[in-house]
């Protein structure tokens, strides 16, 4: 198990997401009411970037084909997506958002 630092909490405004590329991963870091969630950034259905999608409550709508995923679980919420997004366990190190791999 390793811890990978991604960004500072101040870099992700509440209700938004940023893209972080690190250690061969392309990730979307979300801030929902002060809780942080991390998913693979590239949509499982196509070339869309989830960090550039549309956040609606706790779901993210892909900007490429309008399919939606739960930001919390990665599960498909709305087609045409069929494959859930990979999620990562978030761990905090002070003001740094990290993932456990």
PDB file of N, CA and C in Angstrom:
ATOM      1  N   UNK A   1       0.851  -1.175   0.000  1.00  0.00           N
ATOM      2  CA  UNK A   1       0.000   0.000   0.000  1.00  0.00           C
ATOM      3  C   UNK A   1       0.901   1.244   0.000  1.00  0.00           C
ATOM      4  N   UNK A   2       0.520   2.192  -0.848  1.00  0.00           N
ATOM      5  CA  UNK A   2       1.268   3.447  -0.870  1.00  0.00           C
ATOM      6  C   UNK A   2       0.293   4.622  -0.878  1.00  0.00           C
ATOM      7  N   UNK A   3       0.794   5.769  -0.433  1.00  0.00           N
ATOM      8  CA  UNK A   3       0.008   6.998  -0.399  1.00  0.00           C
ATOM      9  C   UNK A   3       0.558   7.924  -1.480  1.00  0.00           C
ATOM     10  N   UNK A   4      -0.342   8.410  -2.337  1.00  0.00           N
ATOM     11  CA  UNK A   4       0.055   9.320  -3.412  1.00  0.00           C
ATOM     12  C   UNK A   4      -0.589  10.680  -3.170  1.00  0.00           C
ATOM     13  N   UNK A   5       0.208  11.722  -2.924  1.00  0.00           N
ATOM     14  CA  UNK A   5      -0.359  13.071  -2.771  1.00  0.00           C
ATOM     15  C   UNK A   5      -0.839  13.601  -4.119  1.00  0.00           C
ATOM     16  N   UNK A   6      -2.010  14.264  -4.112  1.00  0.00           N
ATOM     17  CA  UNK A   6      -2.596  14.760  -5.359  1.00  0.00           C
ATOM     18  C   UNK A   6      -2.619  16.272  -5.458  1.00  0.00           C
ATOM     19  N   UNK A   7      -3.139  16.939  -4.424  1.00  0.00           N
ATOM     20  CA  UNK A   7      -3.292  18.392  -4.492  1.00  0.00           C
ATOM     21  C   UNK A   7      -3.595  18.933  -3.106  1.00  0.00           C
ATOM     22  N   UNK A   8      -3.562  20.241  -2.982  1.00  0.00           N
ATOM     23  CA  UNK A   8      -3.974  20.909  -1.746  1.00  0.00           C
ATOM     24  C   UNK A   8      -5.493  21.096  -1.780  1.00  0.00           C
ATOM     25  N   UNK A   9      -6.115  21.099  -0.619  1.00  0.00           N
ATOM     26  CA  UNK A   9      -7.563  21.288  -0.563  1.00  0.00           C
ATOM     27  C   UNK A   9      -7.964  22.632  -1.177  1.00  0.00           C
ATOM     28  N   UNK A  10      -7.113  23.637  -1.050  1.00  0.00           N
ATOM     29  CA  UNK A  10      -7.413  24.972  -1.583  1.00  0.00           C
ATOM     30  C   UNK A  10      -7.451  25.013  -3.111  1.00  0.00           C
ATOM     31  N   UNK A  11      -6.954  23.976  -3.755  1.00  0.00           N
ATOM     32  CA  UNK A  11      -6.948  23.924  -5.218  1.00  0.00           C
ATOM     33  C   UNK A  11      -8.272  23.456  -5.805  1.00  0.00           C
ATOM     34  N   UNK A  12      -9.135  22.874  -4.968  1.00  0.00           N
ATOM     35  CA  UNK A  12     -10.404  22.331  -5.454  1.00  0.00           C
ATOM     36  C   UNK A  12     -11.545  23.070  -4.767  1.00  0.00           C
ATOM     37  N   UNK A  13     -12.165  23.993  -5.473  1.00  0.00           N
ATOM     38  CA  UNK A  13     -13.285  24.740  -4.911  1.00  0.00           C
ATOM     39  C   UNK A  13     -14.439  23.795  -4.590  1.00  0.00           C
ATOM     40  N   UNK A  14     -15.220  24.148  -3.576  1.00  0.00           N
ATOM     41  CA  UNK A  14     -16.386  23.344  -3.220  1.00  0.00           C
ATOM     42  C   UNK A  14     -17.336  23.259  -4.413  1.00  0.00           C
ATOM     43  N   UNK A  15     -17.818  22.050  -4.688  1.00  0.00           N
ATOM     44  CA  UNK A  15     -18.742  21.836  -5.801  1.00  0.00           C
ATOM     45  C   UNK A  15     -18.060  21.776  -7.153  1.00  0.00           C
ATOM     46  N   UNK A  16     -16.737  21.548  -7.153  1.00  0.00           N
ATOM     47  CA  UNK A  16     -16.018  21.494  -8.429  1.00  0.00           C
ATOM     48  C   UNK A  16     -15.030  20.329  -8.427  1.00  0.00           C
ATOM     49  N   UNK A  17     -14.287  20.222  -9.527  1.00  0.00           N
ATOM     50  CA  UNK A  17     -13.298  19.155  -9.684  1.00  0.00           C
ATOM     51  C   UNK A  17     -12.082  19.696 -10.419  1.00  0.00           C
ATOM     52  N   UNK A  18     -10.957  19.036 -10.206  1.00  0.00           N
ATOM     53  CA  UNK A  18      -9.758  19.335 -10.983  1.00  0.00           C
ATOM     54  C   UNK A  18      -9.175  18.020 -11.484  1.00  0.00           C
ATOM     55  N   UNK A  19      -8.401  18.112 -12.550  1.00  0.00           N
ATOM     56  CA  UNK A  19      -7.699  16.960 -13.091  1.00  0.00           C
ATOM     57  C   UNK A  19      -6.285  16.950 -12.528  1.00  0.00           C
ATOM     58  N   UNK A  20      -5.843  15.765 -12.115  1.00  0.00           N
ATOM     59  CA  UNK A  20      -4.483  15.587 -11.612  1.00  0.00           C
ATOM     60  C   UNK A  20      -3.873  14.392 -12.339  1.00  0.00           C
ATOM     61  N   UNK A  21      -2.734  14.615 -12.978  1.00  0.00           N
ATOM     62  CA  UNK A  21      -1.973  13.539 -13.610  1.00  0.00           C
ATOM     63  C   UNK A  21      -0.755  13.265 -12.742  1.00  0.00           C
ATOM     64  N   UNK A  22      -0.630  12.035 -12.264  1.00  0.00           N
ATOM     65  CA  UNK A  22       0.503  11.672 -11.420  1.00  0.00           C
ATOM     66  C   UNK A  22       0.729  10.171 -11.481  1.00  0.00           C
ATOM     67  N   UNK A  23       1.976   9.790 -11.459  1.00  0.00           N
ATOM     68  CA  UNK A  23       2.372   8.381 -11.403  1.00  0.00           C
ATOM     69  C   UNK A  23       1.619   7.511 -12.402  1.00  0.00           C
ATOM     70  N   UNK A  24       1.445   8.020 -13.612  1.00  0.00           N
ATOM     71  CA  UNK A  24       0.777   7.262 -14.664  1.00  0.00           C
ATOM     72  C   UNK A  24      -0.738   7.230 -14.567  1.00  0.00           C
ATOM     73  N   UNK A  25      -1.301   7.953 -13.611  1.00  0.00           N
ATOM     74  CA  UNK A  25      -2.759   8.007 -13.429  1.00  0.00           C
ATOM     75  C   UNK A  25      -3.287   9.361 -13.870  1.00  0.00           C
ATOM     76  N   UNK A  26      -4.460   9.366 -14.469  1.00  0.00           N
ATOM     77  CA  UNK A  26      -5.175  10.594 -14.795  1.00  0.00           C
ATOM     78  C   UNK A  26      -6.440  10.587 -13.940  1.00  0.00           C
ATOM     79  N   UNK A  27      -6.512  11.496 -12.971  1.00  0.00           N
ATOM     80  CA  UNK A  27      -7.551  11.448 -11.948  1.00  0.00           C
ATOM     81  C   UNK A  27      -8.380  12.718 -11.903  1.00  0.00           C
ATOM     82  N   UNK A  28      -9.623  12.570 -11.480  1.00  0.00           N
ATOM     83  CA  UNK A  28     -10.506  13.706 -11.209  1.00  0.00           C
ATOM     84  C   UNK A  28     -10.701  13.769  -9.699  1.00  0.00           C
ATOM     85  N   UNK A  29     -10.365  14.922  -9.111  1.00  0.00           N
ATOM     86  CA  UNK A  29     -10.507  15.134  -7.668  1.00  0.00           C
ATOM     87  C   UNK A  29     -11.706  16.058  -7.464  1.00  0.00           C
ATOM     88  N   UNK A  30     -12.693  15.593  -6.717  1.00  0.00           N
ATOM     89  CA  UNK A  30     -13.929  16.337  -6.484  1.00  0.00           C
ATOM     90  C   UNK A  30     -14.008  16.816  -5.039  1.00  0.00           C
ATOM     91  N   UNK A  31     -14.602  17.995  -4.840  1.00  0.00           N
ATOM     92  CA  UNK A  31     -14.883  18.527  -3.510  1.00  0.00           C
ATOM     93  C   UNK A  31     -16.398  18.687  -3.409  1.00  0.00           C
ATOM     94  N   UNK A  32     -17.034  17.833  -2.621  1.00  0.00           N
ATOM     95  CA  UNK A  32     -18.477  17.924  -2.381  1.00  0.00           C
ATOM     96  C   UNK A  32     -18.697  18.261  -0.919  1.00  0.00           C
ATOM     97  N   UNK A  33     -19.053  19.510  -0.663  1.00  0.00           N
ATOM     98  CA  UNK A  33     -19.313  19.961   0.706  1.00  0.00           C
ATOM     99  C   UNK A  33     -18.149  19.678   1.648  1.00  0.00           C
ATOM    100  N   UNK A  34     -16.933  19.870   1.162  1.00  0.00           N
ATOM    101  CA  UNK A  34     -15.758  19.683   1.992  1.00  0.00           C
ATOM    102  C   UNK A  34     -15.253  18.260   2.088  1.00  0.00           C
ATOM    103  N   UNK A  35     -15.938  17.316   1.437  1.00  0.00           N
ATOM    104  CA  UNK A  35     -15.471  15.924   1.371  1.00  0.00           C
ATOM    105  C   UNK A  35     -14.854  15.713  -0.010  1.00  0.00           C
ATOM    106  N   UNK A  36     -13.746  14.999  -0.054  1.00  0.00           N
ATOM    107  CA  UNK A  36     -13.017  14.824  -1.308  1.00  0.00           C
ATOM    108  C   UNK A  36     -13.164  13.400  -1.816  1.00  0.00           C
ATOM    109  N   UNK A  37     -13.354  13.287  -3.137  1.00  0.00           N
ATOM    110  CA  UNK A  37     -13.531  12.007  -3.806  1.00  0.00           C
ATOM    111  C   UNK A  37     -12.644  11.991  -5.036  1.00  0.00           C
ATOM    112  N   UNK A  38     -12.135  10.810  -5.383  1.00  0.00           N
ATOM    113  CA  UNK A  38     -11.245  10.687  -6.536  1.00  0.00           C
ATOM    114  C   UNK A  38     -11.713   9.531  -7.411  1.00  0.00           C
ATOM    115  N   UNK A  39     -11.853   9.836  -8.692  1.00  0.00           N
ATOM    116  CA  UNK A  39     -12.218   8.849  -9.718  1.00  0.00           C
ATOM    117  C   UNK A  39     -11.199   8.927 -10.836  1.00  0.00           C
ATOM    118  N   UNK A  40     -11.131   7.864 -11.668  1.00  0.00           N
ATOM    119  CA  UNK A  40     -10.390   7.990 -12.915  1.00  0.00           C
ATOM    120  C   UNK A  40     -11.009   9.130 -13.703  1.00  0.00           C
ATOM    121  N   UNK A  41     -10.179   9.966 -14.313  1.00  0.00           N
ATOM    122  CA  UNK A  41     -10.691  11.127 -15.038  1.00  0.00           C
ATOM    123  C   UNK A  41     -11.298  10.760 -16.388  1.00  0.00           C
ATOM    124  N   UNK A  42     -10.704   9.803 -17.085  1.00  0.00           N
ATOM    125  CA  UNK A  42     -11.201   9.441 -18.412  1.00  0.00           C
ATOM    126  C   UNK A  42     -12.439   8.575 -18.252  1.00  0.00           C
ATOM    127  N   UNK A  43     -13.520   8.992 -18.865  1.00  0.00           N
ATOM    128  CA  UNK A  43     -14.804   8.289 -18.787  1.00  0.00           C
ATOM    129  C   UNK A  43     -14.654   6.850 -19.288  1.00  0.00           C
ATOM    130  N   UNK A  44     -15.305   5.910 -18.614  1.00  0.00           N
ATOM    131  CA  UNK A  44     -15.247   4.502 -19.007  1.00  0.00           C
ATOM    132  C   UNK A  44     -15.981   4.238 -20.319  1.00  0.00           C
ATOM    133  N   UNK A  45     -16.743   5.198 -20.802  1.00  0.00           N
ATOM    134  CA  UNK A  45     -17.521   5.017 -22.030  1.00  0.00           C
ATOM    135  C   UNK A  45     -16.861   5.634 -23.252  1.00  0.00           C
ATOM    136  N   UNK A  46     -15.982   6.592 -23.067  1.00  0.00           N
ATOM    137  CA  UNK A  46     -15.371   7.266 -24.208  1.00  0.00           C
ATOM    138  C   UNK A  46     -14.296   8.225 -23.762  1.00  0.00           C
ATOM    139  N   UNK A  47     -13.901   9.121 -24.642  1.00  0.00           N
ATOM    140  CA  UNK A  47     -12.755   9.986 -24.356  1.00  0.00           C
ATOM    141  C   UNK A  47     -13.053  11.213 -23.481  1.00  0.00           C
ATOM    142  N   UNK A  48     -14.194  11.284 -22.872  1.00  0.00           N
ATOM    143  CA  UNK A  48     -14.549  12.451 -22.068  1.00  0.00           C
ATOM    144  C   UNK A  48     -13.730  12.556 -20.796  1.00  0.00           C
ATOM    145  N   UNK A  49     -13.504  13.795 -20.337  1.00  0.00           N
ATOM    146  CA  UNK A  49     -12.792  14.071 -19.094  1.00  0.00           C
ATOM    147  C   UNK A  49     -13.817  14.414 -18.018  1.00  0.00           C
ATOM    148  N   UNK A  50     -13.898  13.588 -16.974  1.00  0.00           N
ATOM    149  CA  UNK A  50     -14.912  13.830 -15.944  1.00  0.00           C
ATOM    150  C   UNK A  50     -14.645  15.101 -15.152  1.00  0.00           C
ATOM    151  N   UNK A  51     -13.389  15.500 -15.025  1.00  0.00           N
ATOM    152  CA  UNK A  51     -13.097  16.741 -14.305  1.00  0.00           C
ATOM    153  C   UNK A  51     -13.645  17.960 -15.048  1.00  0.00           C
ATOM    154  N   UNK A  52     -13.954  17.794 -16.331  1.00  0.00           N
ATOM    155  CA  UNK A  52     -14.537  18.874 -17.126  1.00  0.00           C
ATOM    156  C   UNK A  52     -16.042  18.699 -17.306  1.00  0.00           C
ATOM    157  N   UNK A  53     -16.617  17.711 -16.610  1.00  0.00           N
ATOM    158  CA  UNK A  53     -18.047  17.425 -16.733  1.00  0.00           C
ATOM    159  C   UNK A  53     -18.883  18.358 -15.881  1.00  0.00           C
ATOM    160  N   UNK A  54     -20.148  17.991 -15.736  1.00  0.00           N
ATOM    161  CA  UNK A  54     -21.132  18.821 -15.044  1.00  0.00           C
ATOM    162  C   UNK A  54     -21.546  18.131 -13.753  1.00  0.00           C
ATOM    163  N   UNK A  55     -21.248  18.772 -12.627  1.00  0.00           N
ATOM    164  CA  UNK A  55     -21.586  18.211 -11.323  1.00  0.00           C
ATOM    165  C   UNK A  55     -23.025  18.580 -10.987  1.00  0.00           C
ATOM    166  N   UNK A  56     -23.805  17.547 -10.657  1.00  0.00           N
ATOM    167  CA  UNK A  56     -25.204  17.717 -10.257  1.00  0.00           C
ATOM    168  C   UNK A  56     -25.400  16.929  -8.969  1.00  0.00           C
ATOM    169  N   UNK A  57     -25.375  17.634  -7.843  1.00  0.00           N
ATOM    170  CA  UNK A  57     -25.457  16.942  -6.549  1.00  0.00           C
ATOM    171  C   UNK A  57     -24.225  16.101  -6.341  1.00  0.00           C
ATOM    172  N   UNK A  58     -24.415  14.774  -6.230  1.00  0.00           N
ATOM    173  CA  UNK A  58     -23.265  13.881  -6.062  1.00  0.00           C
ATOM    174  C   UNK A  58     -23.013  13.030  -7.303  1.00  0.00           C
ATOM    175  N   UNK A  59     -23.444  13.549  -8.465  1.00  0.00           N
ATOM    176  CA  UNK A  59     -23.169  12.863  -9.724  1.00  0.00           C
ATOM    177  C   UNK A  59     -22.362  13.762 -10.648  1.00  0.00           C
ATOM    178  N   UNK A  60     -21.629  13.115 -11.541  1.00  0.00           N
ATOM    179  CA  UNK A  60     -20.874  13.832 -12.564  1.00  0.00           C
ATOM    180  C   UNK A  60     -21.370  13.368 -13.926  1.00  0.00           C
ATOM    181  N   UNK A  61     -21.734  14.346 -14.750  1.00  0.00           N
ATOM    182  CA  UNK A  61     -22.189  14.064 -16.111  1.00  0.00           C
ATOM    183  C   UNK A  61     -21.022  14.307 -17.054  1.00  0.00           C
ATOM    184  N   UNK A  62     -20.669  13.289 -17.818  1.00  0.00           N
ATOM    185  CA  UNK A  62     -19.556  13.403 -18.759  1.00  0.00           C
ATOM    186  C   UNK A  62     -19.879  14.456 -19.814  1.00  0.00           C
ATOM    187  N   UNK A  63     -18.913  15.304 -20.101  1.00  0.00           N
ATOM    188  CA  UNK A  63     -19.122  16.363 -21.087  1.00  0.00           C
ATOM    189  C   UNK A  63     -19.095  15.849 -22.521  1.00  0.00           C
ATOM    190  N   UNK A  64     -18.713  14.596 -22.713  1.00  0.00           N
ATOM    191  CA  UNK A  64     -18.600  14.043 -24.064  1.00  0.00           C
ATOM    192  C   UNK A  64     -19.908  13.429 -24.564  1.00  0.00           C
ATOM    193  N   UNK A  65     -20.574  12.636 -23.724  1.00  0.00           N
ATOM    194  CA  UNK A  65     -21.782  11.942 -24.189  1.00  0.00           C
ATOM    195  C   UNK A  65     -22.945  12.011 -23.214  1.00  0.00           C
ATOM    196  N   UNK A  66     -22.789  12.775 -22.131  1.00  0.00           N
ATOM    197  CA  UNK A  66     -23.856  13.042 -21.165  1.00  0.00           C
ATOM    198  C   UNK A  66     -24.247  11.864 -20.284  1.00  0.00           C
ATOM    199  N   UNK A  67     -23.466  10.793 -20.266  1.00  0.00           N
ATOM    200  CA  UNK A  67     -23.693   9.729 -19.293  1.00  0.00           C
ATOM    201  C   UNK A  67     -23.265  10.224 -17.922  1.00  0.00           C
ATOM    202  N   UNK A  68     -23.788   9.619 -16.847  1.00  0.00           N
ATOM    203  CA  UNK A  68     -23.496  10.094 -15.493  1.00  0.00           C
ATOM    204  C   UNK A  68     -23.024   8.973 -14.582  1.00  0.00           C
ATOM    205  N   UNK A  69     -22.195   9.371 -13.612  1.00  0.00           N
ATOM    206  CA  UNK A  69     -21.675   8.462 -12.598  1.00  0.00           C
ATOM    207  C   UNK A  69     -21.861   9.074 -11.218  1.00  0.00           C
ATOM    208  N   UNK A  70     -21.968   8.211 -10.211  1.00  0.00           N
ATOM    209  CA  UNK A  70     -21.925   8.667  -8.827  1.00  0.00           C
ATOM    210  C   UNK A  70     -20.494   9.069  -8.514  1.00  0.00           C
ATOM    211  N   UNK A  71     -20.300  10.262  -8.010  1.00  0.00           N
ATOM    212  CA  UNK A  71     -18.968  10.706  -7.614  1.00  0.00           C
ATOM    213  C   UNK A  71     -18.500   9.903  -6.396  1.00  0.00           C
ATOM    214  N   UNK A  72     -19.413   9.485  -5.564  1.00  0.00           N
ATOM    215  CA  UNK A  72     -19.074   8.789  -4.326  1.00  0.00           C
ATOM    216  C   UNK A  72     -18.703   7.325  -4.561  1.00  0.00           C
ATOM    217  N   UNK A  73     -19.469   6.628  -5.400  1.00  0.00           N
ATOM    218  CA  UNK A  73     -19.247   5.188  -5.601  1.00  0.00           C
ATOM    219  C   UNK A  73     -18.662   4.833  -6.959  1.00  0.00           C
ATOM    220  N   UNK A  74     -18.738   5.727  -7.927  1.00  0.00           N
ATOM    221  CA  UNK A  74     -18.292   5.424  -9.287  1.00  0.00           C
ATOM    222  C   UNK A  74     -19.320   4.672 -10.111  1.00  0.00           C
ATOM    223  N   UNK A  75     -20.435   4.285  -9.492  1.00  0.00           N
ATOM    224  CA  UNK A  75     -21.460   3.521 -10.201  1.00  0.00           C
ATOM    225  C   UNK A  75     -22.122   4.344 -11.299  1.00  0.00           C
ATOM    226  N   UNK A  76     -22.566   3.657 -12.344  1.00  0.00           N
ATOM    227  CA  UNK A  76     -23.285   4.306 -13.448  1.00  0.00           C
ATOM    228  C   UNK A  76     -24.636   4.787 -12.932  1.00  0.00           C
ATOM    229  N   UNK A  77     -24.956   6.043 -13.251  1.00  0.00           N
ATOM    230  CA  UNK A  77     -26.240   6.617 -12.870  1.00  0.00           C
ATOM    231  C   UNK A  77     -27.140   6.742 -14.091  1.00  0.00           C
ATOM    232  N   UNK A  78     -26.540   7.059 -15.226  1.00  0.00           N
ATOM    233  CA  UNK A  78     -27.328   7.277 -16.437  1.00  0.00           C
ATOM    234  C   UNK A  78     -26.534   6.833 -17.669  1.00  0.00           C
ATOM    235  N   UNK A  79     -27.205   6.084 -18.604  1.00  0.00           N
ATOM    236  CA  UNK A  79     -26.539   5.663 -19.833  1.00  0.00           C
ATOM    237  C   UNK A  79     -26.207   6.870 -20.709  1.00  0.00           C
ATOM    238  N   UNK A  80     -25.339   6.704 -21.672  1.00  0.00           N
ATOM    239  CA  UNK A  80     -24.926   5.432 -22.264  1.00  0.00           C
ATOM    240  C   UNK A  80     -23.806   4.724 -21.537  1.00  0.00           C
ATOM    241  N   UNK A  81     -23.363   5.208 -20.414  1.00  0.00           N
ATOM    242  CA  UNK A  81     -22.305   4.534 -19.661  1.00  0.00           C
ATOM    243  C   UNK A  81     -22.811   3.186 -19.161  1.00  0.00           C
ATOM    244  N   UNK A  82     -21.935   2.186 -19.192  1.00  0.00           N
ATOM    245  CA  UNK A  82     -22.272   0.854 -18.687  1.00  0.00           C
ATOM    246  C   UNK A  82     -21.274   0.358 -17.652  1.00  0.00           C
ATOM    247  N   UNK A  83     -20.038   0.837 -17.736  1.00  0.00           N
ATOM    248  CA  UNK A  83     -18.969   0.374 -16.860  1.00  0.00           C
ATOM    249  C   UNK A  83     -18.718   1.429 -15.782  1.00  0.00           C
ATOM    250  N   UNK A  84     -18.765   1.037 -14.504  1.00  0.00           N
ATOM    251  CA  UNK A  84     -18.501   2.007 -13.427  1.00  0.00           C
ATOM    252  C   UNK A  84     -17.099   2.609 -13.529  1.00  0.00           C
ATOM    253  N   UNK A  85     -16.942   3.789 -12.961  1.00  0.00           N
ATOM    254  CA  UNK A  85     -15.641   4.439 -12.882  1.00  0.00           C
ATOM    255  C   UNK A  85     -14.867   3.869 -11.697  1.00  0.00           C
ATOM    256  N   UNK A  86     -13.566   3.746 -11.845  1.00  0.00           N
ATOM    257  CA  UNK A  86     -12.727   3.322 -10.730  1.00  0.00           C
ATOM    258  C   UNK A  86     -12.647   4.471  -9.727  1.00  0.00           C
ATOM    259  N   UNK A  87     -12.831   4.136  -8.468  1.00  0.00           N
ATOM    260  CA  UNK A  87     -12.702   5.110  -7.390  1.00  0.00           C
ATOM    261  C   UNK A  87     -11.452   4.789  -6.577  1.00  0.00           C
ATOM    262  N   UNK A  88     -10.986   5.769  -5.820  1.00  0.00           N
ATOM    263  CA  UNK A  88      -9.786   5.606  -5.009  1.00  0.00           C
ATOM    264  C   UNK A  88     -10.096   6.025  -3.586  1.00  0.00           C
ATOM    265  N   UNK A  89      -9.493   5.331  -2.626  1.00  0.00           N
ATOM    266  CA  UNK A  89      -9.668   5.693  -1.224  1.00  0.00           C
ATOM    267  C   UNK A  89      -8.886   6.974  -0.954  1.00  0.00           C
ATOM    268  N   UNK A  90      -9.589   7.997  -0.493  1.00  0.00           N
ATOM    269  CA  UNK A  90      -8.967   9.287  -0.188  1.00  0.00           C
ATOM    270  C   UNK A  90      -8.485   9.280   1.256  1.00  0.00           C
ATOM    271  N   UNK A  91      -7.262   9.747   1.440  1.00  0.00           N
ATOM    272  CA  UNK A  91      -6.708   9.965   2.775  1.00  0.00           C
ATOM    273  C   UNK A  91      -6.164  11.384   2.797  1.00  0.00           C
ATOM    274  N   UNK A  92      -6.342  12.037   3.904  1.00  0.00           N
ATOM    275  CA  UNK A  92      -5.880  13.417   4.039  1.00  0.00           C
ATOM    276  C   UNK A  92      -4.571  13.442   4.819  1.00  0.00           C
ATOM    277  N   UNK A  93      -3.668  14.296   4.375  1.00  0.00           N
ATOM    278  CA  UNK A  93      -2.424  14.557   5.090  1.00  0.00           C
ATOM    279  C   UNK A  93      -2.395  16.059   5.335  1.00  0.00           C
ATOM    280  N   UNK A  94      -3.006  16.473   6.431  1.00  0.00           N
ATOM    281  CA  UNK A  94      -3.175  17.899   6.681  1.00  0.00           C
ATOM    282  C   UNK A  94      -4.092  18.491   5.630  1.00  0.00           C
ATOM    283  N   UNK A  95      -3.589  19.436   4.848  1.00  0.00           N
ATOM    284  CA  UNK A  95      -4.371  20.089   3.794  1.00  0.00           C
ATOM    285  C   UNK A  95      -4.109  19.475   2.420  1.00  0.00           C
ATOM    286  N   UNK A  96      -3.477  18.293   2.394  1.00  0.00           N
ATOM    287  CA  UNK A  96      -3.183  17.628   1.130  1.00  0.00           C
ATOM    288  C   UNK A  96      -4.126  16.458   0.920  1.00  0.00           C
ATOM    289  N   UNK A  97      -4.757  16.427  -0.257  1.00  0.00           N
ATOM    290  CA  UNK A  97      -5.612  15.311  -0.649  1.00  0.00           C
ATOM    291  C   UNK A  97      -4.705  14.234  -1.255  1.00  0.00           C
ATOM    292  N   UNK A  98      -4.814  13.029  -0.718  1.00  0.00           N
ATOM    293  CA  UNK A  98      -3.994  11.904  -1.182  1.00  0.00           C
ATOM    294  C   UNK A  98      -4.910  10.721  -1.478  1.00  0.00           C
ATOM    295  N   UNK A  99      -4.370   9.756  -2.214  1.00  0.00           N
ATOM    296  CA  UNK A  99      -5.081   8.487  -2.393  1.00  0.00           C
ATOM    297  C   UNK A  99      -4.204   7.364  -1.900  1.00  0.00           C
ATOM    298  N   UNK A 100      -4.876   6.285  -1.512  1.00  0.00           N
ATOM    299  CA  UNK A 100      -4.201   5.074  -1.079  1.00  0.00           C
ATOM    300  C   UNK A 100      -4.297   4.071  -2.217  1.00  0.00           C
ATOM    301  N   UNK A 101      -3.163   3.524  -2.624  1.00  0.00           N
ATOM    302  CA  UNK A 101      -3.182   2.524  -3.705  1.00  0.00           C
ATOM    303  C   UNK A 101      -2.554   1.231  -3.234  1.00  0.00           C
TER     304      UNK A 101
END
